[in-house]
All heavy atoms as atom14 arrays in JSON, in Angstrom:
{
  "sequence": "LKQLMRMVMHKTHTTTRSDLLQTFASVESRFAAAKQNIAQKENNFISS",
  "atom14_mask": [
    [1, 1, 1, 1, 1, 1, 1, 1, 0, 0, 0, 0, 0, 0],
    [1, 1, 1, 1, 1, 1, 1, 1, 1, 0, 0, 0, 0, 0],
    [1, 1, 1, 1, 1, 1, 1, 1, 1, 0, 0, 0, 0, 0],
    [1, 1, 1, 1, 1, 1, 1, 1, 0, 0, 0, 0, 0, 0],
    [1, 1, 1, 1, 1, 1, 1, 1, 0, 0, 0, 0, 0, 0],
    [1, 1, 1, 1, 1, 1, 1, 1, 1, 1, 1, 0, 0, 0],
    [1, 1, 1, 1, 1, 1, 1, 1, 0, 0, 0, 0, 0, 0],
    [1, 1, 1, 1, 1, 1, 1, 0, 0, 0, 0, 0, 0, 0],
    [1, 1, 1, 1, 1, 1, 1, 1, 0, 0, 0, 0, 0, 0],
    [1, 1, 1, 1, 1, 1, 1, 1, 1, 1, 0, 0, 0, 0],
    [1, 1, 1, 1, 1, 1, 1, 1, 1, 0, 0, 0, 0, 0],
    [1, 1, 1, 1, 1, 1, 1, 0, 0, 0, 0, 0, 0, 0],
    [1, 1, 1, 1, 1, 1, 1, 1, 1, 1, 0, 0, 0, 0],
    [1, 1, 1, 1, 1, 1, 1, 0, 0, 0, 0, 0, 0, 0],
    [1, 1, 1, 1, 1, 1, 1, 0, 0, 0, 0, 0, 0, 0],
    [1, 1, 1, 1, 1, 1, 1, 0, 0, 0, 0, 0, 0, 0],
    [1, 1, 1, 1, 1, 1, 1, 1, 1, 1, 1, 0, 0, 0],
    [1, 1, 1, 1, 1, 1, 0, 0, 0, 0, 0, 0, 0, 0],
    [1, 1, 1, 1, 1, 1, 1, 1, 0, 0, 0, 0, 0, 0],
    [1, 1, 1, 1, 1, 1, 1, 1, 0, 0, 0, 0, 0, 0],
    [1, 1, 1, 1, 1, 1, 1, 1, 0, 0, 0, 0, 0, 0],
    [1, 1, 1, 1, 1, 1, 1, 1, 1, 0, 0, 0, 0, 0],
    [1, 1, 1, 1, 1, 1, 1, 0, 0, 0, 0, 0, 0, 0],
    [1, 1, 1, 1, 1, 1, 1, 1, 1, 1, 1, 0, 0, 0],
    [1, 1, 1, 1, 1, 0, 0, 0, 0, 0, 0, 0, 0, 0],
    [1, 1, 1, 1, 1, 1, 0, 0, 0, 0, 0, 0, 0, 0],
    [1, 1, 1, 1, 1, 1, 1, 0, 0, 0, 0, 0, 0, 0],
    [1, 1, 1, 1, 1, 1, 1, 1, 1, 0, 0, 0, 0, 0],
    [1, 1, 1, 1, 1, 1, 0, 0, 0, 0, 0, 0, 0, 0],
    [1, 1, 1, 1, 1, 1, 1, 1, 1, 1, 1, 0, 0, 0],
    [1, 1, 1, 1, 1, 1, 1, 1, 1, 1, 1, 0, 0, 0],
    [1, 1, 1, 1, 1, 0, 0, 0, 0, 0, 0, 0, 0, 0],
    [1, 1, 1, 1, 1, 0, 0, 0, 0, 0, 0, 0, 0, 0],
    [1, 1, 1, 1, 1, 0, 0, 0, 0, 0, 0, 0, 0, 0],
    [1, 1, 1, 1, 1, 1, 1, 1, 1, 0, 0, 0, 0, 0],
    [1, 1, 1, 1, 1, 1, 1, 1, 1, 0, 0, 0, 0, 0],
    [1, 1, 1, 1, 1, 1, 1, 1, 0, 0, 0, 0, 0, 0],
    [1, 1, 1, 1, 1, 1, 1, 1, 0, 0, 0, 0, 0, 0],
    [1, 1, 1, 1, 1, 0, 0, 0, 0, 0, 0, 0, 0, 0],
    [1, 1, 1, 1, 1, 1, 1, 1, 1, 0, 0, 0, 0, 0],
    [1, 1, 1, 1, 1, 1, 1, 1, 1, 0, 0, 0, 0, 0],
    [1, 1, 1, 1, 1, 1, 1, 1, 1, 0, 0, 0, 0, 0],
    [1, 1, 1, 1, 1, 1, 1, 1, 0, 0, 0, 0, 0, 0],
    [1, 1, 1, 1, 1, 1, 1, 1, 0, 0, 0, 0, 0, 0],
    [1, 1, 1, 1, 1, 1, 1, 1, 1, 1, 1, 0, 0, 0],
    [1, 1, 1, 1, 1, 1, 1, 1, 0, 0, 0, 0, 0, 0],
    [1, 1, 1, 1, 1, 1, 0, 0, 0, 0, 0, 0, 0, 0],
    [1, 1, 1, 1, 1, 1, 0, 0, 0, 0, 0, 0, 0, 0]
  ],
  "atom14_positions": [
    [[17.55, -12.05, 1.34], [16.35, -12.27, 2.21], [16.79, -12.51, 3.65], [16.09, -12.13, 4.58], [15.58, -13.46, 1.66], [14.91, -13.19, 0.27], [14.22, -14.47, -0.18], [13.93, -12.06, 0.38], [0.0, 0.0, 0.0], [0.0, 0.0, 0.0], [0.0, 0.0, 0.0], [0.0, 0.0, 0.0], [0.0, 0.0, 0.0], [0.0, 0.0, 0.0]],
    [[17.94, -13.17, 3.81], [18.43, -13.34, 5.2], [18.69, -12.01, 5.85], [18.38, -11.76, 7.03], [19.73, -14.22, 5.2], [19.48, -15.69, 4.91], [20.8, -16.43, 4.95], [20.58, -17.97, 4.71], [21.88, -18.66, 4.7], [0.0, 0.0, 0.0], [0.0, 0.0, 0.0], [0.0, 0.0, 0.0], [0.0, 0.0, 0.0], [0.0, 0.0, 0.0]],
    [[19.31, -11.11, 5.12], [19.62, -9.79, 5.6], [18.32, -9.05, 5.89], [18.21, -8.41, 6.92], [20.45, -8.99, 4.6], [20.87, -7.62, 5.07], [21.68, -6.82, 4.04], [21.87, -7.34, 2.93], [22.16, -5.68, 4.42], [0.0, 0.0, 0.0], [0.0, 0.0, 0.0], [0.0, 0.0, 0.0], [0.0, 0.0, 0.0], [0.0, 0.0, 0.0]],
    [[17.36, -9.23, 5.04], [16.07, -8.66, 5.28], [15.43, -9.11, 6.55], [14.84, -8.35, 7.33], [15.1, -8.94, 4.05], [13.67, -8.44, 4.12], [13.65, -6.9, 4.22], [12.9, -8.91, 2.88], [0.0, 0.0, 0.0], [0.0, 0.0, 0.0], [0.0, 0.0, 0.0], [0.0, 0.0, 0.0], [0.0, 0.0, 0.0], [0.0, 0.0, 0.0]],
    [[15.47, -10.42, 6.75], [14.93, -11.02, 8.0], [15.6, -10.45, 9.25], [14.97, -10.14, 10.26], [15.04, -12.51, 7.95], [13.88, -13.2, 7.24], [12.27, -12.78, 7.89], [12.5, -13.16, 9.68], [0.0, 0.0, 0.0], [0.0, 0.0, 0.0], [0.0, 0.0, 0.0], [0.0, 0.0, 0.0], [0.0, 0.0, 0.0], [0.0, 0.0, 0.0]],
    [[16.93, -10.35, 9.19], [17.63, -9.83, 10.33], [17.19, -8.4, 10.66], [17.02, -8.0, 11.84], [19.15, -9.87, 10.09], [19.76, -11.24, 10.22], [21.28, -11.21, 10.32], [21.88, -10.72, 9.11], [22.26, -11.46, 8.06], [22.16, -12.77, 8.21], [22.79, -10.96, 7.0], [0.0, 0.0, 0.0], [0.0, 0.0, 0.0], [0.0, 0.0, 0.0]],
    [[17.0, -7.6, 9.65], [16.58, -6.23, 9.81], [15.22, -6.15, 10.46], [14.98, -5.35, 11.38], [16.49, -5.48, 8.46], [17.88, -5.27, 7.78], [17.69, -4.71, 6.07], [16.79, -3.14, 6.34], [0.0, 0.0, 0.0], [0.0, 0.0, 0.0], [0.0, 0.0, 0.0], [0.0, 0.0, 0.0], [0.0, 0.0, 0.0], [0.0, 0.0, 0.0]],
    [[14.34, -7.03, 10.04], [12.95, -7.05, 10.6], [12.97, -7.48, 11.99], [12.34, -6.9, 12.93], [12.04, -7.92, 9.76], [10.71, -8.17, 10.42], [11.87, -7.32, 8.36], [0.0, 0.0, 0.0], [0.0, 0.0, 0.0], [0.0, 0.0, 0.0], [0.0, 0.0, 0.0], [0.0, 0.0, 0.0], [0.0, 0.0, 0.0], [0.0, 0.0, 0.0]],
    [[13.67, -8.62, 12.28], [13.59, -9.2, 13.62], [14.29, -8.39, 14.66], [13.98, -8.54, 15.85], [14.18, -10.61, 13.57], [13.45, -11.59, 12.59], [11.66, -11.59, 12.85], [11.55, -12.36, 14.47], [0.0, 0.0, 0.0], [0.0, 0.0, 0.0], [0.0, 0.0, 0.0], [0.0, 0.0, 0.0], [0.0, 0.0, 0.0], [0.0, 0.0, 0.0]],
    [[15.2, -7.51, 14.31], [15.89, -6.72, 15.32], [15.44, -5.29, 15.41], [16.07, -4.46, 16.08], [17.43, -6.73, 15.01], [18.08, -8.1, 15.19], [18.17, -9.03, 14.2], [18.64, -8.63, 16.29], [18.76, -10.12, 14.68], [19.02, -9.91, 15.94], [0.0, 0.0, 0.0], [0.0, 0.0, 0.0], [0.0, 0.0, 0.0], [0.0, 0.0, 0.0]],
    [[14.38, -4.98, 14.71], [13.85, -3.61, 14.78], [13.14, -3.44, 16.13], [12.43, -4.33, 16.59], [12.92, -3.34, 13.64], [13.65, -3.17, 12.29], [12.68, -2.73, 11.2], [12.14, -1.39, 11.46], [11.35, -0.87, 10.32], [0.0, 0.0, 0.0], [0.0, 0.0, 0.0], [0.0, 0.0, 0.0], [0.0, 0.0, 0.0], [0.0, 0.0, 0.0]],
    [[13.32, -2.24, 16.68], [12.59, -1.97, 17.99], [11.37, -1.13, 17.75], [10.49, -1.12, 18.58], [13.57, -1.17, 18.95], [14.0, -0.01, 18.23], [14.77, -2.02, 19.27], [0.0, 0.0, 0.0], [0.0, 0.0, 0.0], [0.0, 0.0, 0.0], [0.0, 0.0, 0.0], [0.0, 0.0, 0.0], [0.0, 0.0, 0.0], [0.0, 0.0, 0.0]],
    [[11.28, -0.52, 16.57], [10.04, 0.3, 16.24], [8.9, -0.61, 15.93], [9.05, -1.63, 15.27], [10.36, 1.2, 15.11], [9.18, 1.94, 14.55], [8.53, 2.88, 15.26], [8.47, 1.76, 13.37], [7.49, 3.39, 14.57], [7.44, 2.65, 13.41], [0.0, 0.0, 0.0], [0.0, 0.0, 0.0], [0.0, 0.0, 0.0], [0.0, 0.0, 0.0]],
    [[7.71, -0.27, 16.45], [6.5, -1.02, 16.18], [5.81, -0.38, 14.91], [5.48, 0.75, 14.89], [5.44, -0.93, 17.34], [6.06, -1.47, 18.51], [4.2, -1.68, 17.01], [0.0, 0.0, 0.0], [0.0, 0.0, 0.0], [0.0, 0.0, 0.0], [0.0, 0.0, 0.0], [0.0, 0.0, 0.0], [0.0, 0.0, 0.0], [0.0, 0.0, 0.0]],
    [[5.77, -1.21, 13.85], [5.2, -0.68, 12.61], [3.7, -0.91, 12.63], [3.18, -2.02, 12.76], [5.85, -1.5, 11.42], [7.24, -1.36, 11.46], [5.32, -0.94, 10.11], [0.0, 0.0, 0.0], [0.0, 0.0, 0.0], [0.0, 0.0, 0.0], [0.0, 0.0, 0.0], [0.0, 0.0, 0.0], [0.0, 0.0, 0.0], [0.0, 0.0, 0.0]],
    [[2.98, 0.2, 12.45], [1.53, 0.14, 12.51], [1.0, 0.09, 11.04], [1.76, 0.21, 10.08], [0.96, 1.37, 13.2], [1.34, 2.53, 12.4], [1.55, 1.48, 14.62], [0.0, 0.0, 0.0], [0.0, 0.0, 0.0], [0.0, 0.0, 0.0], [0.0, 0.0, 0.0], [0.0, 0.0, 0.0], [0.0, 0.0, 0.0], [0.0, 0.0, 0.0]],
    [[-0.35, -0.06, 10.99], [-1.0, 0.01, 9.66], [-0.73, 1.27, 8.99], [-0.46, 1.3, 7.75], [-2.5, -0.24, 9.86], [-3.34, 0.04, 8.66], [-4.84, -0.13, 8.96], [-5.64, 0.43, 7.88], [-6.06, 1.66, 7.82], [-5.7, 2.51, 8.77], [-6.74, 2.12, 6.78], [0.0, 0.0, 0.0], [0.0, 0.0, 0.0], [0.0, 0.0, 0.0]],
    [[-0.74, 2.39, 9.64], [-0.49, 3.67, 9.08], [0.93, 3.75, 8.47], [1.14, 4.31, 7.41], [-0.7, 4.81, 10.11], [-0.4, 6.07, 9.57], [0.0, 0.0, 0.0], [0.0, 0.0, 0.0], [0.0, 0.0, 0.0], [0.0, 0.0, 0.0], [0.0, 0.0, 0.0], [0.0, 0.0, 0.0], [0.0, 0.0, 0.0], [0.0, 0.0, 0.0]],
    [[1.93, 3.25, 9.26], [3.25, 3.19, 8.76], [3.35, 2.44, 7.43], [4.06, 2.78, 6.49], [4.17, 2.6, 9.78], [4.27, 3.38, 11.04], [4.17, 4.64, 10.96], [4.52, 2.81, 12.1], [0.0, 0.0, 0.0], [0.0, 0.0, 0.0], [0.0, 0.0, 0.0], [0.0, 0.0, 0.0], [0.0, 0.0, 0.0], [0.0, 0.0, 0.0]],
    [[2.65, 1.3, 7.42], [2.69, 0.44, 6.25], [2.16, 1.17, 5.0], [2.78, 1.15, 3.88], [1.88, -0.84, 6.46], [1.72, -1.79, 5.25], [3.01, -2.47, 4.95], [0.65, -2.84, 5.58], [0.0, 0.0, 0.0], [0.0, 0.0, 0.0], [0.0, 0.0, 0.0], [0.0, 0.0, 0.0], [0.0, 0.0, 0.0], [0.0, 0.0, 0.0]],
    [[1.03, 1.79, 5.13], [0.39, 2.47, 4.01], [1.28, 3.63, 3.52], [1.33, 3.93, 2.32], [-1.01, 2.92, 4.34], [-1.98, 1.82, 4.75], [-3.35, 2.4, 5.02], [-2.02, 0.73, 3.68], [0.0, 0.0, 0.0], [0.0, 0.0, 0.0], [0.0, 0.0, 0.0], [0.0, 0.0, 0.0], [0.0, 0.0, 0.0], [0.0, 0.0, 0.0]],
    [[1.92, 4.35, 4.47], [2.78, 5.45, 4.08], [3.98, 4.95, 3.31], [4.42, 5.58, 2.31], [3.25, 6.19, 5.35], [2.19, 7.04, 5.99], [2.7, 7.75, 7.24], [3.93, 7.74, 7.5], [1.79, 8.27, 8.06], [0.0, 0.0, 0.0], [0.0, 0.0, 0.0], [0.0, 0.0, 0.0], [0.0, 0.0, 0.0], [0.0, 0.0, 0.0]],
    [[4.49, 3.76, 3.67], [5.61, 3.16, 2.95], [5.22, 2.83, 1.5], [6.0, 3.21, 0.55], [6.12, 1.86, 3.6], [6.56, 2.18, 4.94], [7.2, 1.23, 2.81], [0.0, 0.0, 0.0], [0.0, 0.0, 0.0], [0.0, 0.0, 0.0], [0.0, 0.0, 0.0], [0.0, 0.0, 0.0], [0.0, 0.0, 0.0], [0.0, 0.0, 0.0]],
    [[4.08, 2.25, 1.28], [3.71, 1.93, -0.05], [3.42, 3.2, -0.88], [3.74, 3.25, -2.06], [2.4, 1.07, -0.06], [2.75, -0.41, 0.09], [2.64, -1.09, 1.28], [3.13, -1.14, -1.03], [2.9, -2.44, 1.4], [3.43, -2.5, -0.94], [3.33, -3.16, 0.26], [0.0, 0.0, 0.0], [0.0, 0.0, 0.0], [0.0, 0.0, 0.0]],
    [[2.86, 4.19, -0.24], [2.61, 5.43, -0.98], [3.89, 6.11, -1.42], [3.97, 6.69, -2.51], [1.8, 6.41, -0.1], [0.0, 0.0, 0.0], [0.0, 0.0, 0.0], [0.0, 0.0, 0.0], [0.0, 0.0, 0.0], [0.0, 0.0, 0.0], [0.0, 0.0, 0.0], [0.0, 0.0, 0.0], [0.0, 0.0, 0.0], [0.0, 0.0, 0.0]],
    [[4.91, 5.93, -0.6], [6.2, 6.57, -0.92], [6.92, 5.92, -2.1], [7.83, 6.54, -2.73], [7.13, 6.61, 0.32], [7.56, 5.25, 0.63], [0.0, 0.0, 0.0], [0.0, 0.0, 0.0], [0.0, 0.0, 0.0], [0.0, 0.0, 0.0], [0.0, 0.0, 0.0], [0.0, 0.0, 0.0], [0.0, 0.0, 0.0], [0.0, 0.0, 0.0]],
    [[6.59, 4.74, -2.37], [7.29, 3.99, -3.47], [6.35, 3.75, -4.67], [6.72, 3.0, -5.6], [7.89, 2.6, -2.98], [8.94, 2.84, -1.94], [6.79, 1.71, -2.47], [0.0, 0.0, 0.0], [0.0, 0.0, 0.0], [0.0, 0.0, 0.0], [0.0, 0.0, 0.0], [0.0, 0.0, 0.0], [0.0, 0.0, 0.0], [0.0, 0.0, 0.0]],
    [[5.25, 4.36, -4.69], [4.23, 4.17, -5.75], [4.88, 4.44, -7.12], [4.7, 3.72, -8.09], [3.03, 5.05, -5.56], [1.96, 4.94, -6.67], [0.85, 5.88, -6.48], [0.99, 6.84, -5.65], [-0.19, 5.66, -7.14], [0.0, 0.0, 0.0], [0.0, 0.0, 0.0], [0.0, 0.0, 0.0], [0.0, 0.0, 0.0], [0.0, 0.0, 0.0]],
    [[5.62, 5.52, -7.23], [6.21, 5.91, -8.55], [7.19, 4.86, -9.01], [7.34, 4.62, -10.23], [6.89, 7.26, -8.44], [7.93, 7.24, -7.44], [0.0, 0.0, 0.0], [0.0, 0.0, 0.0], [0.0, 0.0, 0.0], [0.0, 0.0, 0.0], [0.0, 0.0, 0.0], [0.0, 0.0, 0.0], [0.0, 0.0, 0.0], [0.0, 0.0, 0.0]],
    [[7.91, 4.17, -8.15], [8.87, 3.12, -8.52], [8.09, 1.93, -9.1], [8.54, 1.34, -10.06], [9.68, 2.71, -7.31], [10.64, 3.79, -6.81], [11.34, 3.3, -5.51], [12.07, 2.07, -5.74], [12.43, 1.26, -4.82], [12.08, 1.47, -3.55], [13.14, 0.15, -5.12], [0.0, 0.0, 0.0], [0.0, 0.0, 0.0], [0.0, 0.0, 0.0]],
    [[6.97, 1.59, -8.5], [6.19, 0.53, -9.07], [5.61, 0.83, -10.44], [5.57, 0.02, -11.33], [5.04, 0.12, -8.1], [5.52, -0.62, -6.87], [5.22, -0.18, -5.64], [6.33, -1.74, -7.02], [5.61, -0.88, -4.48], [6.79, -2.47, -5.91], [6.4, -2.01, -4.61], [0.0, 0.0, 0.0], [0.0, 0.0, 0.0], [0.0, 0.0, 0.0]],
    [[5.18, 2.09, -10.54], [4.58, 2.55, -11.82], [5.64, 2.47, -12.95], [5.28, 2.18, -14.08], [4.03, 3.98, -11.7], [0.0, 0.0, 0.0], [0.0, 0.0, 0.0], [0.0, 0.0, 0.0], [0.0, 0.0, 0.0], [0.0, 0.0, 0.0], [0.0, 0.0, 0.0], [0.0, 0.0, 0.0], [0.0, 0.0, 0.0], [0.0, 0.0, 0.0]],
    [[6.9, 2.66, -12.62], [7.97, 2.67, -13.62], [8.39, 1.22, -13.91], [8.98, 0.98, -14.98], [9.15, 3.48, -13.11], [0.0, 0.0, 0.0], [0.0, 0.0, 0.0], [0.0, 0.0, 0.0], [0.0, 0.0, 0.0], [0.0, 0.0, 0.0], [0.0, 0.0, 0.0], [0.0, 0.0, 0.0], [0.0, 0.0, 0.0], [0.0, 0.0, 0.0]],
    [[8.05, 0.27, -13.01], [8.55, -1.09, -13.19], [7.57, -1.92, -13.98], [6.88, -2.77, -13.42], [8.81, -1.73, -11.82], [0.0, 0.0, 0.0], [0.0, 0.0, 0.0], [0.0, 0.0, 0.0], [0.0, 0.0, 0.0], [0.0, 0.0, 0.0], [0.0, 0.0, 0.0], [0.0, 0.0, 0.0], [0.0, 0.0, 0.0], [0.0, 0.0, 0.0]],
    [[7.45, -1.64, -15.25], [6.51, -2.38, -16.06], [7.3, -3.21, -17.11], [8.09, -2.69, -17.86], [5.52, -1.43, -16.81], [4.57, -0.77, -15.86], [3.56, 0.1, -16.63], [2.59, 0.77, -15.69], [1.63, 1.65, -16.42], [0.0, 0.0, 0.0], [0.0, 0.0, 0.0], [0.0, 0.0, 0.0], [0.0, 0.0, 0.0], [0.0, 0.0, 0.0]],
    [[7.05, -4.49, -17.1], [7.73, -5.41, -18.02], [6.82, -5.67, -19.17], [5.77, -6.34, -19.03], [8.09, -6.69, -17.28], [8.74, -7.77, -18.12], [10.14, -7.43, -18.49], [10.41, -6.45, -19.19], [11.07, -8.22, -18.07], [0.0, 0.0, 0.0], [0.0, 0.0, 0.0], [0.0, 0.0, 0.0], [0.0, 0.0, 0.0], [0.0, 0.0, 0.0]],
    [[7.12, -5.2, -20.37], [6.3, -5.37, -21.53], [6.71, -6.65, -22.29], [7.76, -6.66, -22.97], [6.33, -4.16, -22.43], [5.31, -4.26, -23.56], [4.6, -5.21, -23.65], [5.24, -3.17, -24.31], [0.0, 0.0, 0.0], [0.0, 0.0, 0.0], [0.0, 0.0, 0.0], [0.0, 0.0, 0.0], [0.0, 0.0, 0.0], [0.0, 0.0, 0.0]],
    [[5.95, -7.69, -22.19], [6.26, -8.91, -22.89], [5.11, -9.25, -23.89], [4.94, -10.39, -24.26], [6.45, -10.09, -21.95], [5.21, -10.28, -21.1], [7.66, -9.83, -21.08], [5.27, -11.56, -20.26], [0.0, 0.0, 0.0], [0.0, 0.0, 0.0], [0.0, 0.0, 0.0], [0.0, 0.0, 0.0], [0.0, 0.0, 0.0], [0.0, 0.0, 0.0]],
    [[4.41, -8.23, -24.29], [3.23, -8.41, -25.15], [3.59, -9.08, -26.48], [2.88, -9.98, -26.97], [2.59, -7.05, -25.47], [0.0, 0.0, 0.0], [0.0, 0.0, 0.0], [0.0, 0.0, 0.0], [0.0, 0.0, 0.0], [0.0, 0.0, 0.0], [0.0, 0.0, 0.0], [0.0, 0.0, 0.0], [0.0, 0.0, 0.0], [0.0, 0.0, 0.0]],
    [[4.78, -8.76, -27.05], [5.19, -9.37, -28.32], [5.41, -10.86, -28.17], [5.02, -11.68, -29.04], [6.46, -8.71, -28.85], [6.86, -9.12, -30.24], [5.76, -8.87, -31.24], [5.23, -7.77, -31.35], [5.39, -9.9, -32.04], [0.0, 0.0, 0.0], [0.0, 0.0, 0.0], [0.0, 0.0, 0.0], [0.0, 0.0, 0.0], [0.0, 0.0, 0.0]],
    [[6.1, -11.27, -27.06], [6.28, -12.68, -26.85], [4.95, -13.41, -26.69], [4.71, -14.51, -27.18], [7.16, -12.89, -25.61], [8.61, -12.53, -25.77], [9.37, -12.8, -24.53], [10.88, -12.54, -24.75], [11.45, -13.54, -25.65], [0.0, 0.0, 0.0], [0.0, 0.0, 0.0], [0.0, 0.0, 0.0], [0.0, 0.0, 0.0], [0.0, 0.0, 0.0]],
    [[4.0, -12.77, -25.92], [2.73, -13.36, -25.71], [1.98, -13.53, -27.06], [1.34, -14.58, -27.32], [1.91, -12.58, -24.71], [2.47, -12.64, -23.3], [1.83, -11.64, -22.36], [1.3, -10.57, -22.86], [1.85, -11.89, -21.15], [0.0, 0.0, 0.0], [0.0, 0.0, 0.0], [0.0, 0.0, 0.0], [0.0, 0.0, 0.0], [0.0, 0.0, 0.0]],
    [[2.02, -12.5, -27.89], [1.3, -12.54, -29.15], [1.92, -13.63, -30.09], [1.17, -14.31, -30.76], [1.42, -11.15, -29.86], [0.59, -10.1, -29.13], [-0.33, -10.42, -28.43], [0.94, -8.86, -29.36], [0.0, 0.0, 0.0], [0.0, 0.0, 0.0], [0.0, 0.0, 0.0], [0.0, 0.0, 0.0], [0.0, 0.0, 0.0], [0.0, 0.0, 0.0]],
    [[3.25, -13.69, -30.09], [3.88, -14.77, -30.92], [3.51, -16.18, -30.45], [3.26, -17.07, -31.26], [5.41, -14.64, -30.85], [5.91, -13.38, -31.59], [5.19, -12.8, -32.34], [7.17, -13.03, -31.29], [0.0, 0.0, 0.0], [0.0, 0.0, 0.0], [0.0, 0.0, 0.0], [0.0, 0.0, 0.0], [0.0, 0.0, 0.0], [0.0, 0.0, 0.0]],
    [[3.44, -16.3, -29.16], [3.02, -17.6, -28.58], [1.61, -17.94, -28.98], [1.3, -19.08, -29.44], [3.2, -17.51, -27.06], [2.52, -18.67, -26.33], [3.09, -19.93, -26.42], [1.43, -18.45, -25.57], [2.47, -21.02, -25.78], [0.83, -19.49, -24.91], [1.37, -20.8, -25.03], [0.0, 0.0, 0.0], [0.0, 0.0, 0.0], [0.0, 0.0, 0.0]],
    [[0.67, -17.02, -28.78], [-0.73, -17.31, -29.11], [-0.94, -17.53, -30.6], [-1.67, -18.39, -31.01], [-1.64, -16.12, -28.59], [-1.57, -16.07, -27.06], [-3.04, -16.28, -29.08], [-2.24, -14.85, -26.49], [0.0, 0.0, 0.0], [0.0, 0.0, 0.0], [0.0, 0.0, 0.0], [0.0, 0.0, 0.0], [0.0, 0.0, 0.0], [0.0, 0.0, 0.0]],
    [[-0.15, -16.78, -31.42], [-0.26, -16.99, -32.89], [0.24, -18.39, -33.26], [-0.33, -19.03, -34.15], [0.59, -15.93, -33.65], [0.07, -14.61, -33.44], [0.0, 0.0, 0.0], [0.0, 0.0, 0.0], [0.0, 0.0, 0.0], [0.0, 0.0, 0.0], [0.0, 0.0, 0.0], [0.0, 0.0, 0.0], [0.0, 0.0, 0.0], [0.0, 0.0, 0.0]],
    [[1.26, -18.85, -32.59], [1.82, -20.17, -32.85], [0.77, -21.28, -32.44], [0.67, -22.26, -33.12], [3.12, -20.4, -32.07], [3.65, -21.62, -32.35], [0.0, 0.0, 0.0], [0.0, 0.0, 0.0], [0.0, 0.0, 0.0], [0.0, 0.0, 0.0], [0.0, 0.0, 0.0], [0.0, 0.0, 0.0], [0.0, 0.0, 0.0], [0.0, 0.0, 0.0]]
  ]
}
């Protein structure tokens, strides 16, 4: 996170709303693949 902060604070480019939305659109597939299925643990817990 420190490295992340340094990258942000030293950037000279002005990031606009349009830039932000394009960034999220470009990584949509990565989020779709990042699904953590813990249904079995939840079911065991509720049954208990």
